[in-house]
Amino acid sequence: MIDNKAELPVVQKLLDRIVQSTQHIVALQTSGVADTVAQMRVLAMRGGTSIYAWDPDGGLASLRESGMHVPGSKRMSDALRYVLQSMHFGIYLFVDYEPHLKPADVLLLRRISRTPTSNERKLVFVSNRNELPEELDGMYDRLAVESELHRQLRLRDGRWVT
């Protein structure tokens, strides 16, 4: 976990960009996947935002409430079906997804990207590469954490500025 509290506002801006995205699917490129998820956990606990993280070992788990797992969501297709049927706002982070993304899952993602909803679910695929299957081209936004993190804080006239 990154102890630098100055980077939390950067991740808050990133979270805002995810929420404001016009697409339901976002490909997020970061060299520090674990650090980004850890900072999202801090934001979820502080702000009460419904953020979930999926991994192949535990399935979907709430970042806001530690230890709360969505039953039956260890397989990616089950997690995607849960997201598709969910009636609530939520940000779903998918980590270590590359080997688990099957053609049937791509069909579910296409369906999720096309389904108009009032609750604005966001699926965020977090990786050190920014690649999703070509069948999804034009159906997702690309974001990169590095472009945001390179803006360092500087001390100017006794205040920290970016």
N, C-alpha and C. Protein backbone atom coordinates (compact mmCIF):
# COMPACT_ATOMS: atom_id res chain seq x y z
N MET A 1 0.85 -1.18 0.00
CA MET A 1 0.00 0.00 0.00
C MET A 1 0.89 1.24 0.00
N ILE A 2 0.52 2.20 -0.76
CA ILE A 2 1.29 3.44 -0.82
C ILE A 2 0.93 4.31 0.37
N ASP A 3 1.96 4.77 1.09
CA ASP A 3 1.72 5.60 2.26
C ASP A 3 1.62 7.07 1.91
N ASN A 4 1.95 7.43 0.69
CA ASN A 4 1.97 8.83 0.28
C ASN A 4 0.53 9.35 0.16
N LYS A 5 0.12 10.14 1.14
CA LYS A 5 -1.25 10.66 1.15
C LYS A 5 -1.48 11.68 0.05
N ALA A 6 -0.41 12.21 -0.52
CA ALA A 6 -0.56 13.19 -1.59
C ALA A 6 -1.11 12.55 -2.85
N GLU A 7 -0.97 11.22 -3.00
CA GLU A 7 -1.45 10.56 -4.21
C GLU A 7 -2.93 10.20 -4.13
N LEU A 8 -3.54 10.24 -2.95
CA LEU A 8 -4.96 9.92 -2.84
C LEU A 8 -5.83 10.88 -3.65
N PRO A 9 -5.56 12.19 -3.66
CA PRO A 9 -6.37 13.06 -4.53
C PRO A 9 -6.23 12.70 -6.01
N VAL A 10 -5.08 12.19 -6.41
CA VAL A 10 -4.89 11.77 -7.80
C VAL A 10 -5.80 10.59 -8.11
N VAL A 11 -5.86 9.63 -7.19
CA VAL A 11 -6.73 8.47 -7.39
C VAL A 11 -8.19 8.90 -7.30
N GLN A 12 -8.51 9.89 -6.48
CA GLN A 12 -9.88 10.41 -6.43
C GLN A 12 -10.27 11.01 -7.78
N LYS A 13 -9.34 11.73 -8.41
CA LYS A 13 -9.61 12.28 -9.74
C LYS A 13 -9.79 11.16 -10.77
N LEU A 14 -8.98 10.11 -10.63
CA LEU A 14 -9.11 8.96 -11.51
C LEU A 14 -10.47 8.29 -11.32
N LEU A 15 -10.90 8.15 -10.08
CA LEU A 15 -12.21 7.58 -9.79
C LEU A 15 -13.32 8.44 -10.38
N ASP A 16 -13.17 9.75 -10.29
CA ASP A 16 -14.15 10.66 -10.88
C ASP A 16 -14.20 10.48 -12.41
N ARG A 17 -13.04 10.31 -13.04
CA ARG A 17 -13.00 10.11 -14.49
C ARG A 17 -13.67 8.79 -14.87
N ILE A 18 -13.51 7.77 -14.03
CA ILE A 18 -14.16 6.48 -14.28
C ILE A 18 -15.68 6.65 -14.21
N VAL A 19 -16.15 7.32 -13.18
CA VAL A 19 -17.59 7.51 -13.00
C VAL A 19 -18.18 8.36 -14.12
N GLN A 20 -17.44 9.36 -14.58
CA GLN A 20 -17.93 10.26 -15.62
C GLN A 20 -17.79 9.71 -17.04
N SER A 21 -17.15 8.55 -17.17
CA SER A 21 -16.96 7.95 -18.49
C SER A 21 -18.31 7.65 -19.13
N THR A 22 -18.39 7.85 -20.42
CA THR A 22 -19.63 7.56 -21.14
C THR A 22 -19.80 6.07 -21.40
N GLN A 23 -18.74 5.32 -21.26
CA GLN A 23 -18.76 3.87 -21.48
C GLN A 23 -18.97 3.14 -20.15
N HIS A 24 -19.53 1.94 -20.22
CA HIS A 24 -19.69 1.10 -19.02
C HIS A 24 -18.42 0.32 -18.72
N ILE A 25 -17.52 0.21 -19.68
CA ILE A 25 -16.29 -0.55 -19.53
C ILE A 25 -15.10 0.40 -19.68
N VAL A 26 -14.13 0.25 -18.77
CA VAL A 26 -12.94 1.09 -18.79
C VAL A 26 -11.72 0.18 -18.68
N ALA A 27 -10.72 0.40 -19.53
CA ALA A 27 -9.44 -0.30 -19.44
C ALA A 27 -8.46 0.66 -18.77
N LEU A 28 -8.00 0.28 -17.58
CA LEU A 28 -7.12 1.13 -16.79
C LEU A 28 -5.72 0.54 -16.78
N GLN A 29 -4.77 1.31 -17.31
CA GLN A 29 -3.38 0.87 -17.35
C GLN A 29 -2.62 1.51 -16.21
N THR A 30 -1.94 0.66 -15.44
CA THR A 30 -1.11 1.14 -14.34
C THR A 30 0.03 0.16 -14.10
N SER A 31 1.18 0.69 -13.75
CA SER A 31 2.31 -0.19 -13.45
C SER A 31 2.20 -0.72 -12.02
N GLY A 32 1.42 -0.06 -11.17
CA GLY A 32 1.22 -0.49 -9.80
C GLY A 32 -0.22 -0.94 -9.57
N VAL A 33 -0.57 -2.11 -10.08
CA VAL A 33 -1.95 -2.60 -9.98
C VAL A 33 -2.36 -2.72 -8.51
N ALA A 34 -1.53 -3.35 -7.70
CA ALA A 34 -1.87 -3.56 -6.29
C ALA A 34 -2.00 -2.23 -5.55
N ASP A 35 -1.13 -1.27 -5.85
CA ASP A 35 -1.20 0.04 -5.20
C ASP A 35 -2.47 0.78 -5.59
N THR A 36 -2.85 0.70 -6.85
CA THR A 36 -4.06 1.37 -7.32
C THR A 36 -5.29 0.78 -6.64
N VAL A 37 -5.35 -0.54 -6.54
CA VAL A 37 -6.48 -1.19 -5.87
C VAL A 37 -6.50 -0.83 -4.39
N ALA A 38 -5.32 -0.78 -3.75
CA ALA A 38 -5.24 -0.41 -2.34
C ALA A 38 -5.73 1.02 -2.12
N GLN A 39 -5.40 1.93 -3.01
CA GLN A 39 -5.86 3.31 -2.87
C GLN A 39 -7.36 3.41 -3.14
N MET A 40 -7.87 2.60 -4.06
CA MET A 40 -9.31 2.56 -4.29
C MET A 40 -10.03 2.06 -3.04
N ARG A 41 -9.42 1.10 -2.34
CA ARG A 41 -9.99 0.59 -1.10
C ARG A 41 -10.10 1.70 -0.06
N VAL A 42 -9.06 2.52 0.06
CA VAL A 42 -9.08 3.63 1.00
C VAL A 42 -10.20 4.61 0.64
N LEU A 43 -10.33 4.92 -0.65
CA LEU A 43 -11.39 5.83 -1.08
C LEU A 43 -12.77 5.24 -0.84
N ALA A 44 -12.93 3.93 -1.05
CA ALA A 44 -14.22 3.29 -0.82
C ALA A 44 -14.58 3.33 0.66
N MET A 45 -13.61 3.10 1.52
CA MET A 45 -13.88 3.11 2.96
C MET A 45 -14.15 4.52 3.46
N ARG A 46 -13.45 5.49 2.95
CA ARG A 46 -13.65 6.89 3.39
C ARG A 46 -14.92 7.50 2.82
N GLY A 47 -15.18 7.24 1.53
CA GLY A 47 -16.28 7.91 0.86
C GLY A 47 -17.56 7.09 0.77
N GLY A 48 -17.50 5.82 1.10
CA GLY A 48 -18.69 4.98 1.04
C GLY A 48 -19.09 4.56 -0.35
N THR A 49 -18.20 4.71 -1.34
CA THR A 49 -18.50 4.33 -2.70
C THR A 49 -18.52 2.81 -2.82
N SER A 50 -19.46 2.28 -3.58
CA SER A 50 -19.55 0.84 -3.79
C SER A 50 -18.53 0.41 -4.84
N ILE A 51 -17.39 -0.04 -4.37
CA ILE A 51 -16.33 -0.52 -5.25
C ILE A 51 -16.06 -1.97 -4.89
N TYR A 52 -16.05 -2.80 -5.91
CA TYR A 52 -15.78 -4.22 -5.75
C TYR A 52 -14.55 -4.57 -6.56
N ALA A 53 -13.81 -5.57 -6.09
CA ALA A 53 -12.65 -6.07 -6.83
C ALA A 53 -12.83 -7.56 -7.07
N TRP A 54 -12.53 -7.97 -8.30
CA TRP A 54 -12.62 -9.39 -8.65
C TRP A 54 -11.22 -9.93 -8.82
N ASP A 55 -11.00 -11.11 -8.26
CA ASP A 55 -9.80 -11.86 -8.55
C ASP A 55 -10.19 -13.32 -8.64
N PRO A 56 -9.41 -14.13 -9.35
CA PRO A 56 -9.81 -15.51 -9.60
C PRO A 56 -9.89 -16.38 -8.34
N ASP A 57 -9.21 -15.99 -7.29
CA ASP A 57 -9.21 -16.80 -6.07
C ASP A 57 -10.41 -16.52 -5.17
N GLY A 58 -10.84 -15.26 -5.10
CA GLY A 58 -11.91 -14.91 -4.18
C GLY A 58 -13.20 -14.46 -4.82
N GLY A 59 -13.20 -14.20 -6.12
CA GLY A 59 -14.39 -13.68 -6.77
C GLY A 59 -14.55 -12.20 -6.49
N LEU A 60 -15.79 -11.70 -6.55
CA LEU A 60 -16.07 -10.30 -6.26
C LEU A 60 -16.08 -10.07 -4.76
N ALA A 61 -15.38 -9.04 -4.33
CA ALA A 61 -15.34 -8.68 -2.91
C ALA A 61 -15.47 -7.18 -2.77
N SER A 62 -16.20 -6.74 -1.78
CA SER A 62 -16.37 -5.32 -1.52
C SER A 62 -15.08 -4.73 -0.98
N LEU A 63 -14.66 -3.60 -1.52
CA LEU A 63 -13.49 -2.92 -0.99
C LEU A 63 -13.87 -2.07 0.22
N ARG A 64 -15.13 -1.70 0.30
CA ARG A 64 -15.60 -0.86 1.39
C ARG A 64 -15.75 -1.67 2.68
N GLU A 65 -16.24 -2.89 2.55
CA GLU A 65 -16.46 -3.74 3.71
C GLU A 65 -15.59 -4.99 3.58
N SER A 66 -14.47 -5.01 4.26
CA SER A 66 -13.53 -6.12 4.14
C SER A 66 -14.21 -7.44 4.50
N GLY A 67 -13.90 -8.45 3.73
CA GLY A 67 -14.42 -9.78 4.00
C GLY A 67 -15.79 -10.07 3.41
N MET A 68 -16.44 -9.07 2.81
CA MET A 68 -17.75 -9.31 2.20
C MET A 68 -17.57 -9.71 0.74
N HIS A 69 -17.79 -11.00 0.47
CA HIS A 69 -17.66 -11.54 -0.89
C HIS A 69 -19.03 -11.80 -1.47
N VAL A 70 -19.15 -11.66 -2.78
CA VAL A 70 -20.38 -11.99 -3.48
C VAL A 70 -20.34 -13.49 -3.74
N PRO A 71 -21.29 -14.24 -3.19
CA PRO A 71 -21.26 -15.70 -3.38
C PRO A 71 -21.40 -16.08 -4.85
N GLY A 72 -20.69 -17.13 -5.24
CA GLY A 72 -20.80 -17.65 -6.60
C GLY A 72 -20.24 -16.75 -7.67
N SER A 73 -19.18 -15.99 -7.36
CA SER A 73 -18.62 -15.07 -8.36
C SER A 73 -17.15 -15.32 -8.64
N LYS A 74 -16.65 -16.53 -8.34
CA LYS A 74 -15.24 -16.81 -8.59
C LYS A 74 -14.92 -16.91 -10.07
N ARG A 75 -15.82 -17.48 -10.84
CA ARG A 75 -15.60 -17.51 -12.29
C ARG A 75 -15.96 -16.16 -12.87
N MET A 76 -15.19 -15.72 -13.85
CA MET A 76 -15.42 -14.40 -14.43
C MET A 76 -16.81 -14.30 -15.03
N SER A 77 -17.28 -15.34 -15.70
CA SER A 77 -18.60 -15.27 -16.32
C SER A 77 -19.69 -15.10 -15.27
N ASP A 78 -19.54 -15.73 -14.10
CA ASP A 78 -20.52 -15.56 -13.03
C ASP A 78 -20.49 -14.13 -12.48
N ALA A 79 -19.29 -13.58 -12.35
CA ALA A 79 -19.15 -12.21 -11.86
C ALA A 79 -19.77 -11.22 -12.86
N LEU A 80 -19.56 -11.45 -14.15
CA LEU A 80 -20.13 -10.57 -15.17
C LEU A 80 -21.65 -10.66 -15.20
N ARG A 81 -22.18 -11.86 -15.00
CA ARG A 81 -23.64 -12.00 -14.93
C ARG A 81 -24.20 -11.27 -13.72
N TYR A 82 -23.48 -11.33 -12.61
CA TYR A 82 -23.90 -10.60 -11.40
C TYR A 82 -23.96 -9.10 -11.69
N VAL A 83 -22.92 -8.58 -12.34
CA VAL A 83 -22.87 -7.16 -12.67
C VAL A 83 -24.02 -6.80 -13.60
N LEU A 84 -24.27 -7.65 -14.59
CA LEU A 84 -25.34 -7.39 -15.55
C LEU A 84 -26.70 -7.33 -14.87
N GLN A 85 -26.92 -8.16 -13.86
CA GLN A 85 -28.21 -8.22 -13.18
C GLN A 85 -28.33 -7.25 -12.01
N SER A 86 -27.23 -6.66 -11.60
CA SER A 86 -27.24 -5.76 -10.45
C SER A 86 -28.08 -4.51 -10.74
N MET A 87 -28.84 -4.12 -9.77
CA MET A 87 -29.70 -2.94 -9.91
C MET A 87 -29.09 -1.70 -9.25
N HIS A 88 -27.89 -1.83 -8.73
CA HIS A 88 -27.28 -0.76 -7.95
C HIS A 88 -26.04 -0.20 -8.64
N PHE A 89 -25.72 1.05 -8.31
CA PHE A 89 -24.48 1.66 -8.79
C PHE A 89 -23.31 0.86 -8.21
N GLY A 90 -22.29 0.69 -8.98
CA GLY A 90 -21.10 0.02 -8.49
C GLY A 90 -19.96 0.14 -9.48
N ILE A 91 -18.77 0.15 -8.94
CA ILE A 91 -17.56 0.12 -9.74
C ILE A 91 -16.92 -1.24 -9.48
N TYR A 92 -16.68 -1.98 -10.54
CA TYR A 92 -16.17 -3.33 -10.43
C TYR A 92 -14.78 -3.39 -11.05
N LEU A 93 -13.77 -3.61 -10.22
CA LEU A 93 -12.39 -3.71 -10.68
C LEU A 93 -12.07 -5.17 -10.97
N PHE A 94 -11.58 -5.45 -12.16
CA PHE A 94 -11.18 -6.81 -12.52
C PHE A 94 -9.66 -6.83 -12.62
N VAL A 95 -9.02 -7.60 -11.75
CA VAL A 95 -7.57 -7.70 -11.66
C VAL A 95 -7.18 -9.13 -12.05
N ASP A 96 -6.06 -9.31 -12.69
CA ASP A 96 -5.60 -10.63 -13.14
C ASP A 96 -6.64 -11.32 -14.01
N TYR A 97 -7.20 -10.59 -14.91
CA TYR A 97 -8.32 -11.09 -15.71
C TYR A 97 -7.90 -11.74 -17.03
N GLU A 98 -6.71 -11.43 -17.55
CA GLU A 98 -6.32 -11.84 -18.90
C GLU A 98 -6.50 -13.34 -19.16
N PRO A 99 -5.98 -14.23 -18.31
CA PRO A 99 -6.14 -15.66 -18.64
C PRO A 99 -7.56 -16.18 -18.44
N HIS A 100 -8.40 -15.42 -17.80
CA HIS A 100 -9.76 -15.88 -17.49
C HIS A 100 -10.82 -15.31 -18.42
N LEU A 101 -10.43 -14.42 -19.32
CA LEU A 101 -11.38 -13.79 -20.22
C LEU A 101 -11.61 -14.68 -21.44
N LYS A 102 -12.73 -15.37 -21.45
CA LYS A 102 -13.09 -16.32 -22.51
C LYS A 102 -14.00 -15.65 -23.54
N PRO A 103 -14.17 -16.26 -24.71
CA PRO A 103 -15.07 -15.68 -25.72
C PRO A 103 -16.50 -15.46 -25.21
N ALA A 104 -17.00 -16.36 -24.37
CA ALA A 104 -18.35 -16.17 -23.81
C ALA A 104 -18.39 -14.94 -22.92
N ASP A 105 -17.29 -14.65 -22.23
CA ASP A 105 -17.22 -13.47 -21.38
C ASP A 105 -17.22 -12.20 -22.23
N VAL A 106 -16.57 -12.26 -23.38
CA VAL A 106 -16.55 -11.11 -24.29
C VAL A 106 -17.98 -10.80 -24.75
N LEU A 107 -18.77 -11.84 -25.00
CA LEU A 107 -20.17 -11.62 -25.37
C LEU A 107 -20.95 -10.94 -24.24
N LEU A 108 -20.69 -11.36 -22.99
CA LEU A 108 -21.33 -10.70 -21.85
C LEU A 108 -20.90 -9.25 -21.74
N LEU A 109 -19.62 -8.98 -21.98
CA LEU A 109 -19.12 -7.61 -21.93
C LEU A 109 -19.76 -6.75 -23.02
N ARG A 110 -19.93 -7.30 -24.19
CA ARG A 110 -20.60 -6.55 -25.27
C ARG A 110 -22.03 -6.22 -24.86
N ARG A 111 -22.68 -7.17 -24.23
CA ARG A 111 -24.06 -6.95 -23.76
C ARG A 111 -24.11 -5.87 -22.68
N ILE A 112 -23.16 -5.93 -21.75
CA ILE A 112 -23.10 -4.92 -20.69
C ILE A 112 -22.84 -3.54 -21.27
N SER A 113 -21.95 -3.46 -22.26
CA SER A 113 -21.62 -2.15 -22.83
C SER A 113 -22.78 -1.54 -23.60
N ARG A 114 -23.66 -2.37 -24.12
CA ARG A 114 -24.80 -1.87 -24.91
C ARG A 114 -26.06 -1.64 -24.10
N THR A 115 -26.14 -2.22 -22.90
CA THR A 115 -27.36 -2.14 -22.11
C THR A 115 -27.47 -0.78 -21.44
N PRO A 116 -28.50 0.00 -21.79
CA PRO A 116 -28.68 1.29 -21.12
C PRO A 116 -29.20 1.06 -19.69
N THR A 117 -28.55 1.70 -18.73
CA THR A 117 -28.96 1.55 -17.33
C THR A 117 -29.03 2.92 -16.68
N SER A 118 -29.82 2.99 -15.65
CA SER A 118 -29.91 4.24 -14.90
C SER A 118 -28.95 4.23 -13.71
N ASN A 119 -28.36 3.08 -13.40
CA ASN A 119 -27.52 2.99 -12.21
C ASN A 119 -26.03 3.12 -12.49
N GLU A 120 -25.64 3.23 -13.75
CA GLU A 120 -24.25 3.49 -14.13
C GLU A 120 -23.25 2.54 -13.48
N ARG A 121 -23.32 1.29 -13.85
CA ARG A 121 -22.30 0.33 -13.44
C ARG A 121 -21.06 0.58 -14.28
N LYS A 122 -19.91 0.46 -13.66
CA LYS A 122 -18.65 0.62 -14.38
C LYS A 122 -17.78 -0.60 -14.14
N LEU A 123 -17.33 -1.22 -15.20
CA LEU A 123 -16.40 -2.34 -15.13
C LEU A 123 -15.04 -1.81 -15.51
N VAL A 124 -14.08 -1.94 -14.61
CA VAL A 124 -12.75 -1.40 -14.83
C VAL A 124 -11.77 -2.57 -14.86
N PHE A 125 -11.13 -2.77 -16.00
CA PHE A 125 -10.14 -3.83 -16.15
C PHE A 125 -8.77 -3.22 -15.89
N VAL A 126 -8.18 -3.59 -14.76
CA VAL A 126 -6.93 -3.00 -14.29
C VAL A 126 -5.78 -3.93 -14.67
N SER A 127 -4.81 -3.37 -15.37
CA SER A 127 -3.68 -4.16 -15.82
C SER A 127 -2.48 -3.26 -16.07
N ASN A 128 -1.30 -3.88 -16.16
CA ASN A 128 -0.13 -3.08 -16.53
C ASN A 128 -0.06 -2.88 -18.04
N ARG A 129 -0.94 -3.59 -18.77
CA ARG A 129 -1.12 -3.36 -20.20
C ARG A 129 -2.54 -2.86 -20.39
N ASN A 130 -2.77 -2.18 -21.45
CA ASN A 130 -4.09 -1.59 -21.69
C ASN A 130 -4.75 -2.30 -22.87
N GLU A 131 -4.93 -3.64 -22.73
CA GLU A 131 -5.44 -4.39 -23.87
C GLU A 131 -6.68 -5.19 -23.48
N LEU A 132 -7.71 -5.03 -24.26
CA LEU A 132 -8.90 -5.87 -24.17
C LEU A 132 -9.09 -6.49 -25.55
N PRO A 133 -9.87 -7.56 -25.66
CA PRO A 133 -10.05 -8.19 -26.97
C PRO A 133 -10.56 -7.21 -28.03
N GLU A 134 -10.12 -7.43 -29.25
CA GLU A 134 -10.48 -6.50 -30.34
C GLU A 134 -11.98 -6.49 -30.62
N GLU A 135 -12.71 -7.51 -30.18
CA GLU A 135 -14.16 -7.51 -30.35
C GLU A 135 -14.83 -6.40 -29.55
N LEU A 136 -14.11 -5.85 -28.58
CA LEU A 136 -14.66 -4.78 -27.74
C LEU A 136 -14.20 -3.39 -28.17
N ASP A 137 -13.46 -3.29 -29.26
CA ASP A 137 -12.98 -1.98 -29.72
C ASP A 137 -14.15 -1.02 -29.90
N GLY A 138 -13.98 0.18 -29.36
CA GLY A 138 -15.00 1.21 -29.45
C GLY A 138 -16.07 1.10 -28.36
N MET A 139 -15.98 0.07 -27.53
CA MET A 139 -16.98 -0.13 -26.48
C MET A 139 -16.44 0.17 -25.09
N TYR A 140 -15.22 0.69 -25.02
CA TYR A 140 -14.64 1.00 -23.71
C TYR A 140 -13.72 2.21 -23.81
N ASP A 141 -13.52 2.84 -22.65
CA ASP A 141 -12.58 3.96 -22.56
C ASP A 141 -11.25 3.44 -22.04
N ARG A 142 -10.19 4.12 -22.45
CA ARG A 142 -8.84 3.79 -21.96
C ARG A 142 -8.37 4.91 -21.04
N LEU A 143 -7.88 4.52 -19.88
CA LEU A 143 -7.29 5.47 -18.95
C LEU A 143 -5.93 4.94 -18.52
N ALA A 144 -5.02 5.85 -18.20
CA ALA A 144 -3.70 5.46 -17.72
C ALA A 144 -3.40 6.23 -16.44
N VAL A 145 -2.98 5.50 -15.42
CA VAL A 145 -2.67 6.12 -14.14
C VAL A 145 -1.38 6.90 -14.22
N GLU A 146 -0.40 6.41 -14.97
CA GLU A 146 0.90 7.06 -15.02
C GLU A 146 0.81 8.51 -15.48
N SER A 147 -0.07 8.79 -16.41
CA SER A 147 -0.18 10.15 -16.91
C SER A 147 -0.63 11.09 -15.79
N GLU A 148 -1.40 10.57 -14.85
CA GLU A 148 -1.84 11.39 -13.72
C GLU A 148 -0.78 11.46 -12.63
N LEU A 149 -0.08 10.33 -12.37
CA LEU A 149 0.86 10.29 -11.26
C LEU A 149 2.16 11.04 -11.55
N HIS A 150 2.45 11.32 -12.81
CA HIS A 150 3.69 12.01 -13.12
C HIS A 150 3.67 13.47 -12.72
N ARG A 151 2.50 13.99 -12.45
CA ARG A 151 2.44 15.37 -12.00
C ARG A 151 2.80 15.38 -10.52
N GLN A 152 3.99 15.80 -10.22
CA GLN A 152 4.49 15.79 -8.85
C GLN A 152 4.06 17.06 -8.11
N LEU A 153 3.87 16.91 -6.81
CA LEU A 153 3.58 18.07 -5.98
C LEU A 153 4.88 18.86 -5.75
N ARG A 154 4.74 20.19 -5.77
CA ARG A 154 5.88 21.06 -5.54
C ARG A 154 5.49 22.08 -4.49
N LEU A 155 6.45 22.49 -3.71
CA LEU A 155 6.21 23.51 -2.69
C LEU A 155 6.42 24.87 -3.34
N ARG A 156 5.36 25.70 -3.37
CA ARG A 156 5.46 27.02 -3.96
C ARG A 156 4.80 28.00 -3.01
N ASP A 157 5.55 28.99 -2.57
CA ASP A 157 5.06 30.02 -1.64
C ASP A 157 4.41 29.40 -0.39
N GLY A 158 5.02 28.32 0.10
CA GLY A 158 4.52 27.69 1.32
C GLY A 158 3.31 26.79 1.11
N ARG A 159 2.90 26.55 -0.15
CA ARG A 159 1.76 25.68 -0.43
C ARG A 159 2.18 24.59 -1.39
N TRP A 160 1.55 23.43 -1.27
CA TRP A 160 1.80 22.33 -2.19
C TRP A 160 0.90 22.49 -3.41
N VAL A 161 1.50 22.50 -4.59
CA VAL A 161 0.73 22.63 -5.83
C VAL A 161 1.20 21.56 -6.81
N THR A 162 0.32 21.26 -7.80
CA THR A 162 0.71 20.28 -8.83
C THR A 162 1.19 21.00 -10.05
